[in-house]
Protein backbone atom coordinates (compact mmCIF):
# COMPACT_ATOMS: atom_id res chain seq x y z
CA UNK A 1 -131.24 137.26 -58.05
CA UNK A 2 -133.87 134.50 -57.78
CA UNK A 3 -131.49 132.04 -59.42
CA UNK A 4 -128.77 132.97 -56.91
CA UNK A 5 -131.17 132.43 -54.03
CA UNK A 6 -132.08 128.98 -55.38
CA UNK A 7 -128.37 128.15 -55.65
CA UNK A 8 -127.68 129.30 -52.06
CA UNK A 9 -130.59 127.27 -50.73
CA UNK A 10 -129.58 124.20 -52.70
CA UNK A 11 -125.96 124.47 -51.54
CA UNK A 12 -127.01 124.84 -47.89
CA UNK A 13 -129.40 121.90 -48.19
CA UNK A 14 -126.54 119.78 -49.56
CA UNK A 15 -124.29 120.83 -46.67
CA UNK A 16 -126.94 119.97 -44.11
CA UNK A 17 -127.47 116.58 -45.75
CA UNK A 18 -123.73 115.95 -45.43
CA UNK A 19 -123.89 116.83 -41.75
CA UNK A 20 -127.00 114.77 -40.98
CA UNK A 21 -125.53 111.77 -42.80
CA UNK A 22 -122.67 111.80 -40.27
CA UNK A 23 -124.27 113.22 -37.11
CA UNK A 24 -127.48 112.19 -35.39
CA UNK A 25 -129.26 115.46 -34.59
CA UNK A 26 -132.26 115.42 -32.25
CA UNK A 27 -133.95 117.39 -29.48
CA UNK A 28 -131.00 116.74 -27.16
CA UNK A 29 -128.46 118.33 -29.51
CA UNK A 30 -127.56 121.86 -30.49
CA UNK A 31 -126.59 123.01 -33.98
CA UNK A 32 -124.76 126.30 -34.49
CA UNK A 33 -124.84 128.38 -37.66
CA UNK A 34 -122.39 131.18 -38.29
CA UNK A 35 -123.43 132.94 -41.47
CA UNK A 36 -121.88 135.96 -43.15
CA UNK A 37 -124.49 137.08 -45.64
CA UNK A 38 -121.97 139.71 -46.79
CA UNK A 39 -119.55 136.98 -47.83
CA UNK A 40 -122.35 135.06 -49.56
CA UNK A 41 -123.04 138.05 -51.81
CA UNK A 42 -119.33 138.50 -52.54
CA UNK A 43 -118.52 141.33 -50.13
CA UNK A 44 -116.14 141.53 -47.17
CA UNK A 45 -117.51 140.01 -43.95
CA UNK A 46 -119.55 142.52 -41.97
CA UNK A 47 -119.81 145.05 -44.79
CA UNK A 48 -123.01 144.31 -46.72
CA UNK A 49 -125.42 142.14 -44.77
CA UNK A 50 -128.12 140.71 -47.02
CA UNK A 51 -131.62 140.36 -45.62
CA UNK A 52 -132.58 138.36 -48.72
CA UNK A 53 -129.79 135.82 -48.13
CA UNK A 54 -130.70 135.57 -44.44
CA UNK A 55 -134.36 134.93 -45.19
CA UNK A 56 -133.60 132.35 -47.88
CA UNK A 57 -131.15 130.38 -45.73
CA UNK A 58 -133.19 130.62 -42.54
CA UNK A 59 -135.96 128.61 -44.19
CA UNK A 60 -133.51 125.75 -44.77
CA UNK A 61 -132.25 125.88 -41.18
CA UNK A 62 -135.85 125.91 -39.90
CA UNK A 63 -136.56 122.82 -41.99
CA UNK A 64 -133.58 121.07 -40.32
CA UNK A 65 -134.97 121.99 -36.90
CA UNK A 66 -138.47 120.84 -37.80
CA UNK A 67 -137.28 117.50 -39.21
CA UNK A 68 -134.80 116.60 -36.46
CA UNK A 69 -135.87 118.52 -33.35
CA UNK A 70 -132.34 119.93 -33.01
CA UNK A 71 -131.94 123.24 -31.18
CA UNK A 72 -130.66 126.03 -33.43
CA UNK A 73 -128.19 128.72 -32.38
CA UNK A 74 -127.22 131.56 -34.74
CA UNK A 75 -123.93 133.29 -34.05
CA UNK A 76 -123.86 137.08 -34.06
CA UNK A 77 -120.96 139.05 -35.49
CA UNK A 78 -118.01 140.39 -33.53
CA UNK A 79 -119.88 143.62 -32.65
CA UNK A 80 -121.98 141.55 -30.25
CA UNK A 81 -118.94 139.48 -29.22
CA UNK A 82 -120.20 136.50 -31.23
CA UNK A 83 -123.13 136.03 -28.85
CA UNK A 84 -125.76 133.54 -30.00
CA UNK A 85 -129.45 133.88 -30.80
CA UNK A 86 -131.59 130.99 -29.68
CA UNK A 87 -135.01 130.23 -28.27
CA UNK A 88 -135.51 130.88 -24.55
CA UNK A 89 -136.55 127.22 -24.12
CA UNK A 90 -133.15 126.22 -25.57
CA UNK A 91 -131.32 128.48 -23.13
CA UNK A 92 -133.30 126.94 -20.29
CA UNK A 93 -132.83 123.35 -21.50
CA UNK A 94 -129.05 123.79 -21.72
CA UNK A 95 -128.73 125.94 -18.55
CA UNK A 96 -127.41 128.98 -20.44
CA UNK A 97 -127.29 132.50 -19.02
CA UNK A 98 -128.98 135.19 -21.08
CA UNK A 99 -127.31 138.45 -22.06
CA UNK A 100 -129.08 141.58 -23.18
CA UNK A 101 -128.98 142.85 -26.75
CA UNK A 102 -131.12 142.80 -29.86
CA UNK A 103 -129.14 141.97 -33.00
CA UNK A 104 -129.62 144.01 -36.14
CA UNK A 105 -127.90 144.07 -39.52
CA UNK A 106 -125.04 146.36 -38.38
CA UNK A 107 -124.48 144.76 -34.95
CA UNK A 108 -125.15 141.06 -34.90
CA UNK A 109 -125.53 140.58 -38.62
CA UNK A 110 -128.38 139.96 -41.02
CA UNK A 111 -128.64 136.23 -40.27
CA UNK A 112 -128.72 136.58 -36.48
CA UNK A 113 -131.14 139.50 -36.78
CA UNK A 114 -133.44 137.52 -39.05
CA UNK A 115 -133.37 134.50 -36.72
CA UNK A 116 -134.15 136.76 -33.77
CA UNK A 117 -137.22 138.05 -35.61
CA UNK A 118 -138.36 134.53 -36.59
CA UNK A 119 -137.96 132.80 -33.23
CA UNK A 120 -140.98 132.56 -30.91
CA UNK A 121 -139.16 133.76 -27.78
CA UNK A 122 -135.60 134.75 -28.74
CA UNK A 123 -132.76 135.42 -26.32
CA UNK A 124 -129.02 135.93 -26.61
CA UNK A 125 -126.39 133.96 -24.72
CA UNK A 126 -122.62 134.38 -24.68
CA UNK A 127 -121.47 130.79 -25.00
CA UNK A 128 -122.73 127.39 -26.05
CA UNK A 129 -121.15 123.99 -26.60
CA UNK A 130 -122.85 122.86 -29.78
CA UNK A 131 -122.74 119.32 -31.10
CA UNK A 132 -122.36 120.28 -34.75
CA UNK A 133 -122.39 123.34 -36.94
CA UNK A 134 -121.78 125.14 -40.16
CA UNK A 135 -119.60 128.19 -40.73
CA UNK A 136 -120.52 130.13 -43.85
CA UNK A 137 -118.06 132.93 -44.59
CA UNK A 138 -115.37 132.21 -41.98
CA UNK A 139 -117.34 133.50 -38.98
CA UNK A 140 -115.29 131.42 -36.52
CA UNK A 141 -117.91 129.17 -34.89
CA UNK A 142 -115.23 126.96 -33.32
CA UNK A 143 -115.44 128.84 -30.03
CA UNK A 144 -119.00 127.56 -29.68
CA UNK A 145 -118.45 123.86 -30.43
CA UNK A 146 -117.82 121.16 -27.86
CA UNK A 147 -114.15 120.62 -27.05
CA UNK A 148 -113.21 118.05 -29.73
CA UNK A 149 -114.40 119.33 -33.11
CA UNK A 150 -114.06 117.10 -36.17
CA UNK A 151 -114.22 118.68 -39.65
CA UNK A 152 -116.77 117.27 -42.07
CA UNK A 153 -116.05 117.19 -45.78
CA UNK A 154 -118.75 117.54 -48.37
CA UNK A 155 -119.08 118.35 -52.04
CA UNK A 156 -120.11 121.96 -51.39
CA UNK A 157 -117.21 124.27 -50.61
CA UNK A 158 -119.00 127.60 -51.00
CA UNK A 159 -122.44 129.09 -50.63
CA UNK A 160 -122.56 132.02 -52.98
CA UNK A 161 -119.10 133.52 -52.61
CA UNK A 162 -118.68 132.42 -48.99
CA UNK A 163 -116.32 129.65 -47.91
CA UNK A 164 -118.09 126.81 -46.03
CA UNK A 165 -116.74 124.73 -43.16
CA UNK A 166 -118.75 122.06 -41.36
CA UNK A 167 -118.01 120.26 -38.11
CA UNK A 168 -119.27 117.67 -35.71
CA UNK A 169 -117.95 116.97 -32.23
CA UNK A 170 -117.04 113.86 -30.33
CA UNK A 171 -116.28 113.11 -26.69
CA UNK A 172 -112.63 113.32 -25.63
CA UNK A 173 -110.72 110.04 -25.67
CA UNK A 174 -109.41 109.47 -22.16
CA UNK A 175 -107.55 106.70 -20.38
CA UNK A 176 -104.26 106.37 -22.20
CA UNK A 177 -102.51 103.34 -23.65
CA UNK A 178 -104.59 100.67 -21.87
CA UNK A 179 -107.98 102.15 -22.71
CA UNK A 180 -110.35 100.67 -25.29
CA UNK A 181 -112.65 102.86 -27.36
CA UNK A 182 -115.86 102.19 -29.29
CA UNK A 183 -115.77 102.21 -33.07
CA UNK A 184 -116.14 105.65 -34.65
CA UNK A 185 -119.52 106.61 -36.08
């Protein structure tokens, strides 16, 4: 199992490097992570949450936060209506309304539950508009990204047995045929 954990961590690190090479993340941005630890270990989403996978991957996400200052949001499973776990200071900074629940492995998922336990002052909110994110195991993070999501392609397609999708966002292009737009980043 230790070799698997190393592989998961390495794969996630590679994905995050792909994202940070294409998106500037800082203290003014929010990053969402939807993680099915069940899918990572080769089981059907929501059926076999893995505390070990959650702990191993959380360390990599925490490193991203520490290095960039980005605000982290972890998406809960459908049993908590895909609410998000984040720090209270993040909810306040982004003017988000709290909801009441405490995620656990069977309602919220192992990853959201682990993040809740690791955060200094965790809260749940119903909706965010994140600047970038990663979806590990087809957890459907798109509902929590800003309006124009752009897929990011990297070398890593799976973490464990879970399919990986990455995205950044960009402002809408407005103005029509006569408008001029800045070069893409």
